Amino acid sequence: MAVFELILWTSAFLWLYALVLAVAWFIAVGRESTETHVGHFVSLMGVMVPVIAVSVMIVLVGGVLGLPWIVLLLPLTIPGVLVIALQLEVSRLWEPTVKTELSRLGTAIALTIISATVSR
């Protein structure tokens, strides 16, 4: 049961970190001219689709090879893909610094702790 709870906590953290990165992406795209907004969205999808395809393939191959524990990774797949894609695009649009990355990470950790206390 401890592994399942760890996966749930990690999934919740990844969803909330993706939310923080989505807000940062919207702010970064909002700073750009309006003519480029569609291009930024297409660029985000261009990063997201291949990563989703690879993660789905990993789960499928694990299922075919008879690795039942690979199904435990499903709750981590979608938020993990969102985090990877948004992180890449936010870093491309907004020059990353240690301060901004730590503040985003801290915000996601704080939101995870708050959601844990509210859900109990």
N, C-alpha and C. Protein backbone atom coordinates (compact mmCIF):
# COMPACT_ATOMS: atom_id res chain seq x y z
N MET A 1 0.81 -1.19 0.00
CA MET A 1 0.00 0.00 0.00
C MET A 1 0.86 1.26 0.00
N ALA A 2 2.05 1.21 0.54
CA ALA A 2 2.92 2.38 0.61
C ALA A 2 3.34 2.82 -0.79
N VAL A 3 3.56 1.88 -1.68
CA VAL A 3 3.95 2.22 -3.05
C VAL A 3 2.81 2.94 -3.76
N PHE A 4 1.60 2.47 -3.55
CA PHE A 4 0.44 3.10 -4.17
C PHE A 4 0.26 4.53 -3.66
N GLU A 5 0.43 4.73 -2.35
CA GLU A 5 0.32 6.08 -1.79
C GLU A 5 1.43 6.99 -2.32
N LEU A 6 2.63 6.47 -2.46
CA LEU A 6 3.73 7.26 -3.02
C LEU A 6 3.41 7.68 -4.45
N ILE A 7 2.85 6.77 -5.22
CA ILE A 7 2.48 7.10 -6.60
C ILE A 7 1.38 8.16 -6.61
N LEU A 8 0.41 8.06 -5.72
CA LEU A 8 -0.66 9.06 -5.67
C LEU A 8 -0.12 10.44 -5.28
N TRP A 9 0.78 10.48 -4.30
CA TRP A 9 1.38 11.75 -3.89
C TRP A 9 2.22 12.34 -5.03
N THR A 10 2.98 11.50 -5.69
CA THR A 10 3.80 11.99 -6.80
C THR A 10 2.92 12.48 -7.94
N SER A 11 1.85 11.78 -8.21
CA SER A 11 0.91 12.21 -9.25
C SER A 11 0.29 13.56 -8.90
N ALA A 12 -0.13 13.72 -7.64
CA ALA A 12 -0.70 15.00 -7.22
C ALA A 12 0.31 16.12 -7.36
N PHE A 13 1.56 15.86 -6.96
CA PHE A 13 2.60 16.87 -7.11
C PHE A 13 2.82 17.22 -8.58
N LEU A 14 2.88 16.21 -9.44
CA LEU A 14 3.10 16.49 -10.86
C LEU A 14 1.95 17.28 -11.47
N TRP A 15 0.70 16.96 -11.09
CA TRP A 15 -0.43 17.74 -11.60
C TRP A 15 -0.34 19.20 -11.16
N LEU A 16 0.01 19.43 -9.90
CA LEU A 16 0.10 20.79 -9.40
C LEU A 16 1.31 21.53 -9.98
N TYR A 17 2.41 20.82 -10.20
CA TYR A 17 3.58 21.44 -10.85
C TYR A 17 3.24 21.79 -12.30
N ALA A 18 2.48 20.93 -12.96
CA ALA A 18 2.03 21.24 -14.32
C ALA A 18 1.13 22.47 -14.31
N LEU A 19 0.30 22.62 -13.28
CA LEU A 19 -0.55 23.80 -13.17
C LEU A 19 0.30 25.06 -13.01
N VAL A 20 1.31 25.01 -12.16
CA VAL A 20 2.20 26.16 -11.97
C VAL A 20 2.92 26.49 -13.28
N LEU A 21 3.40 25.48 -13.99
CA LEU A 21 4.07 25.71 -15.26
C LEU A 21 3.11 26.22 -16.32
N ALA A 22 1.85 25.77 -16.30
CA ALA A 22 0.86 26.27 -17.26
C ALA A 22 0.62 27.76 -17.03
N VAL A 23 0.54 28.17 -15.79
CA VAL A 23 0.38 29.60 -15.49
C VAL A 23 1.59 30.37 -16.00
N ALA A 24 2.79 29.84 -15.77
CA ALA A 24 4.00 30.50 -16.26
C ALA A 24 4.02 30.56 -17.79
N TRP A 25 3.53 29.50 -18.44
CA TRP A 25 3.48 29.48 -19.91
C TRP A 25 2.51 30.54 -20.42
N PHE A 26 1.33 30.63 -19.80
CA PHE A 26 0.35 31.65 -20.21
C PHE A 26 0.91 33.05 -20.01
N ILE A 27 1.62 33.28 -18.91
CA ILE A 27 2.23 34.60 -18.68
C ILE A 27 3.29 34.88 -19.74
N ALA A 28 4.13 33.88 -20.03
CA ALA A 28 5.18 34.07 -21.02
C ALA A 28 4.60 34.30 -22.41
N VAL A 29 3.57 33.56 -22.77
CA VAL A 29 2.95 33.76 -24.09
C VAL A 29 2.21 35.10 -24.12
N GLY A 30 1.63 35.51 -23.01
CA GLY A 30 0.95 36.79 -22.93
C GLY A 30 1.87 37.97 -23.15
N ARG A 31 3.15 37.80 -22.84
CA ARG A 31 4.14 38.85 -23.06
C ARG A 31 4.52 39.00 -24.53
N GLU A 32 4.27 37.95 -25.29
CA GLU A 32 4.61 37.98 -26.71
C GLU A 32 3.49 38.69 -27.48
N SER A 33 3.76 39.01 -28.74
CA SER A 33 2.74 39.65 -29.56
C SER A 33 1.63 38.65 -29.87
N THR A 34 0.43 39.16 -30.10
CA THR A 34 -0.72 38.28 -30.30
C THR A 34 -0.61 37.45 -31.57
N GLU A 35 0.17 37.88 -32.52
CA GLU A 35 0.33 37.11 -33.76
C GLU A 35 1.06 35.79 -33.53
N THR A 36 1.78 35.68 -32.44
CA THR A 36 2.58 34.47 -32.20
C THR A 36 1.89 33.48 -31.27
N HIS A 37 0.72 33.80 -30.74
CA HIS A 37 0.07 32.93 -29.76
C HIS A 37 -0.27 31.55 -30.33
N VAL A 38 -0.79 31.51 -31.53
CA VAL A 38 -1.12 30.21 -32.13
C VAL A 38 0.15 29.40 -32.37
N GLY A 39 1.20 30.06 -32.79
CA GLY A 39 2.48 29.38 -33.00
C GLY A 39 3.04 28.80 -31.72
N HIS A 40 2.89 29.51 -30.61
CA HIS A 40 3.36 28.99 -29.33
C HIS A 40 2.55 27.77 -28.90
N PHE A 41 1.23 27.80 -29.15
CA PHE A 41 0.40 26.65 -28.82
C PHE A 41 0.79 25.44 -29.67
N VAL A 42 1.01 25.68 -30.95
CA VAL A 42 1.42 24.58 -31.84
C VAL A 42 2.78 24.03 -31.40
N SER A 43 3.66 24.90 -30.98
CA SER A 43 4.96 24.46 -30.48
C SER A 43 4.82 23.60 -29.23
N LEU A 44 3.92 24.01 -28.33
CA LEU A 44 3.67 23.23 -27.12
C LEU A 44 3.13 21.85 -27.48
N MET A 45 2.19 21.80 -28.40
CA MET A 45 1.64 20.51 -28.83
C MET A 45 2.71 19.67 -29.54
N GLY A 46 3.59 20.33 -30.26
CA GLY A 46 4.68 19.62 -30.95
C GLY A 46 5.62 18.95 -29.97
N VAL A 47 5.77 19.51 -28.78
CA VAL A 47 6.59 18.89 -27.75
C VAL A 47 5.80 17.81 -27.02
N MET A 48 4.52 18.08 -26.78
CA MET A 48 3.70 17.19 -25.96
C MET A 48 3.36 15.87 -26.66
N VAL A 49 3.02 15.92 -27.93
CA VAL A 49 2.56 14.72 -28.64
C VAL A 49 3.63 13.62 -28.69
N PRO A 50 4.88 13.91 -29.07
CA PRO A 50 5.87 12.83 -29.07
C PRO A 50 6.14 12.24 -27.69
N VAL A 51 6.12 13.08 -26.66
CA VAL A 51 6.36 12.58 -25.31
C VAL A 51 5.20 11.70 -24.86
N ILE A 52 3.98 12.08 -25.20
CA ILE A 52 2.83 11.24 -24.88
C ILE A 52 2.92 9.91 -25.60
N ALA A 53 3.32 9.94 -26.87
CA ALA A 53 3.43 8.70 -27.64
C ALA A 53 4.47 7.77 -27.02
N VAL A 54 5.60 8.31 -26.59
CA VAL A 54 6.63 7.47 -25.99
C VAL A 54 6.14 6.89 -24.66
N SER A 55 5.47 7.70 -23.85
CA SER A 55 5.00 7.18 -22.57
C SER A 55 3.93 6.11 -22.74
N VAL A 56 3.05 6.29 -23.71
CA VAL A 56 2.04 5.26 -23.98
C VAL A 56 2.71 3.99 -24.49
N MET A 57 3.71 4.13 -25.33
CA MET A 57 4.43 2.95 -25.83
C MET A 57 5.13 2.20 -24.70
N ILE A 58 5.69 2.92 -23.74
CA ILE A 58 6.34 2.27 -22.61
C ILE A 58 5.32 1.43 -21.83
N VAL A 59 4.16 1.99 -21.59
CA VAL A 59 3.12 1.26 -20.86
C VAL A 59 2.65 0.05 -21.66
N LEU A 60 2.45 0.23 -22.97
CA LEU A 60 2.01 -0.89 -23.81
C LEU A 60 3.05 -2.00 -23.87
N VAL A 61 4.31 -1.64 -24.05
CA VAL A 61 5.37 -2.64 -24.11
C VAL A 61 5.48 -3.36 -22.78
N GLY A 62 5.34 -2.62 -21.68
CA GLY A 62 5.36 -3.25 -20.37
C GLY A 62 4.22 -4.24 -20.20
N GLY A 63 3.06 -3.89 -20.72
CA GLY A 63 1.91 -4.81 -20.65
C GLY A 63 2.12 -6.04 -21.50
N VAL A 64 2.69 -5.86 -22.69
CA VAL A 64 2.93 -6.99 -23.59
C VAL A 64 4.00 -7.91 -23.01
N LEU A 65 5.02 -7.33 -22.39
CA LEU A 65 6.09 -8.14 -21.83
C LEU A 65 5.71 -8.79 -20.50
N GLY A 66 4.52 -8.49 -20.01
CA GLY A 66 4.06 -9.12 -18.78
C GLY A 66 4.62 -8.49 -17.52
N LEU A 67 4.81 -7.19 -17.56
CA LEU A 67 5.28 -6.47 -16.38
C LEU A 67 4.09 -5.77 -15.74
N PRO A 68 3.40 -6.43 -14.81
CA PRO A 68 2.16 -5.85 -14.27
C PRO A 68 2.38 -4.56 -13.48
N TRP A 69 3.56 -4.36 -12.93
CA TRP A 69 3.82 -3.16 -12.15
C TRP A 69 3.88 -1.91 -13.02
N ILE A 70 4.02 -2.07 -14.34
CA ILE A 70 4.09 -0.92 -15.23
C ILE A 70 2.77 -0.15 -15.22
N VAL A 71 1.67 -0.83 -14.90
CA VAL A 71 0.36 -0.17 -14.83
C VAL A 71 0.35 0.87 -13.70
N LEU A 72 1.17 0.67 -12.68
CA LEU A 72 1.26 1.65 -11.60
C LEU A 72 1.79 3.00 -12.09
N LEU A 73 2.47 2.99 -13.22
CA LEU A 73 3.02 4.23 -13.75
C LEU A 73 2.00 5.06 -14.51
N LEU A 74 0.84 4.50 -14.80
CA LEU A 74 -0.18 5.23 -15.55
C LEU A 74 -0.59 6.55 -14.90
N PRO A 75 -0.80 6.62 -13.58
CA PRO A 75 -1.17 7.92 -13.00
C PRO A 75 -0.07 8.97 -13.09
N LEU A 76 1.15 8.53 -13.37
CA LEU A 76 2.27 9.47 -13.49
C LEU A 76 2.51 9.90 -14.93
N THR A 77 1.94 9.19 -15.88
CA THR A 77 2.25 9.42 -17.29
C THR A 77 1.76 10.78 -17.78
N ILE A 78 0.49 11.05 -17.67
CA ILE A 78 -0.07 12.29 -18.23
C ILE A 78 0.48 13.53 -17.52
N PRO A 79 0.46 13.60 -16.17
CA PRO A 79 1.02 14.80 -15.56
C PRO A 79 2.52 14.93 -15.80
N GLY A 80 3.21 13.81 -15.89
CA GLY A 80 4.64 13.87 -16.19
C GLY A 80 4.90 14.43 -17.57
N VAL A 81 4.09 14.03 -18.53
CA VAL A 81 4.20 14.55 -19.89
C VAL A 81 3.92 16.04 -19.91
N LEU A 82 2.89 16.46 -19.20
CA LEU A 82 2.57 17.88 -19.13
C LEU A 82 3.72 18.68 -18.52
N VAL A 83 4.32 18.17 -17.47
CA VAL A 83 5.43 18.86 -16.83
C VAL A 83 6.61 18.98 -17.79
N ILE A 84 6.94 17.89 -18.47
CA ILE A 84 8.08 17.92 -19.40
C ILE A 84 7.83 18.92 -20.52
N ALA A 85 6.67 18.84 -21.15
CA ALA A 85 6.36 19.72 -22.28
C ALA A 85 6.30 21.18 -21.84
N LEU A 86 5.61 21.45 -20.75
CA LEU A 86 5.50 22.84 -20.29
C LEU A 86 6.85 23.39 -19.84
N GLN A 87 7.65 22.55 -19.19
CA GLN A 87 8.98 23.00 -18.75
C GLN A 87 9.85 23.36 -19.95
N LEU A 88 9.83 22.53 -20.97
CA LEU A 88 10.61 22.83 -22.17
C LEU A 88 10.16 24.12 -22.85
N GLU A 89 8.86 24.30 -22.95
CA GLU A 89 8.34 25.50 -23.63
C GLU A 89 8.51 26.76 -22.78
N VAL A 90 8.31 26.66 -21.49
CA VAL A 90 8.51 27.83 -20.63
C VAL A 90 9.98 28.22 -20.64
N SER A 91 10.88 27.25 -20.62
CA SER A 91 12.31 27.54 -20.67
C SER A 91 12.70 28.19 -22.00
N ARG A 92 12.00 27.83 -23.06
CA ARG A 92 12.29 28.42 -24.36
C ARG A 92 11.81 29.87 -24.43
N LEU A 93 10.66 30.14 -23.81
CA LEU A 93 10.08 31.48 -23.85
C LEU A 93 10.62 32.42 -22.78
N TRP A 94 11.00 31.87 -21.65
CA TRP A 94 11.37 32.66 -20.50
C TRP A 94 12.70 32.12 -19.99
N GLU A 95 13.75 32.92 -20.04
CA GLU A 95 15.08 32.46 -19.65
C GLU A 95 15.05 31.95 -18.20
N PRO A 96 15.32 30.65 -18.02
CA PRO A 96 15.21 30.09 -16.66
C PRO A 96 16.37 30.54 -15.77
N THR A 97 16.04 30.83 -14.54
CA THR A 97 17.04 31.11 -13.52
C THR A 97 16.78 30.18 -12.34
N VAL A 98 17.76 30.04 -11.50
CA VAL A 98 17.61 29.18 -10.34
C VAL A 98 16.49 29.70 -9.45
N LYS A 99 16.41 31.01 -9.30
CA LYS A 99 15.38 31.61 -8.44
C LYS A 99 13.97 31.30 -8.94
N THR A 100 13.73 31.48 -10.24
CA THR A 100 12.38 31.24 -10.76
C THR A 100 12.03 29.76 -10.71
N GLU A 101 12.97 28.89 -11.02
CA GLU A 101 12.69 27.46 -10.99
C GLU A 101 12.42 26.99 -9.57
N LEU A 102 13.20 27.47 -8.61
CA LEU A 102 12.96 27.08 -7.22
C LEU A 102 11.64 27.65 -6.70
N SER A 103 11.27 28.84 -7.14
CA SER A 103 9.99 29.39 -6.69
C SER A 103 8.82 28.60 -7.27
N ARG A 104 8.93 28.17 -8.53
CA ARG A 104 7.88 27.33 -9.12
C ARG A 104 7.79 25.99 -8.41
N LEU A 105 8.94 25.39 -8.16
CA LEU A 105 8.97 24.11 -7.46
C LEU A 105 8.42 24.24 -6.05
N GLY A 106 8.80 25.31 -5.35
CA GLY A 106 8.30 25.55 -4.00
C GLY A 106 6.80 25.78 -3.98
N THR A 107 6.30 26.49 -5.00
CA THR A 107 4.86 26.70 -5.09
C THR A 107 4.13 25.39 -5.28
N ALA A 108 4.67 24.53 -6.14
CA ALA A 108 4.04 23.22 -6.37
C ALA A 108 4.08 22.36 -5.11
N ILE A 109 5.17 22.40 -4.39
CA ILE A 109 5.27 21.64 -3.15
C ILE A 109 4.28 22.17 -2.12
N ALA A 110 4.18 23.49 -2.00
CA ALA A 110 3.23 24.10 -1.06
C ALA A 110 1.79 23.73 -1.43
N LEU A 111 1.47 23.79 -2.71
CA LEU A 111 0.12 23.42 -3.15
C LEU A 111 -0.17 21.94 -2.86
N THR A 112 0.83 21.09 -3.02
CA THR A 112 0.65 19.67 -2.72
C THR A 112 0.38 19.46 -1.24
N ILE A 113 1.12 20.15 -0.39
CA ILE A 113 0.92 20.03 1.05
C ILE A 113 -0.45 20.56 1.44
N ILE A 114 -0.85 21.70 0.85
CA ILE A 114 -2.16 22.27 1.15
C ILE A 114 -3.27 21.31 0.71
N SER A 115 -3.13 20.76 -0.48
CA SER A 115 -4.16 19.83 -0.97
C SER A 115 -4.22 18.57 -0.11
N ALA A 116 -3.10 18.16 0.43
CA ALA A 116 -3.08 16.98 1.30
C ALA A 116 -3.80 17.25 2.61
N THR A 117 -3.59 18.45 3.16
CA THR A 117 -4.24 18.77 4.42
C THR A 117 -5.73 19.02 4.25
N VAL A 118 -6.12 19.58 3.10
CA VAL A 118 -7.54 19.83 2.85
C VAL A 118 -8.28 18.53 2.59
N SER A 119 -7.63 17.58 1.92
CA SER A 119 -8.31 16.34 1.56
C SER A 119 -8.48 15.38 2.74
N ARG A 120 -7.82 15.63 3.84
CA ARG A 120 -7.95 14.74 5.00
C ARG A 120 -9.10 15.11 5.80
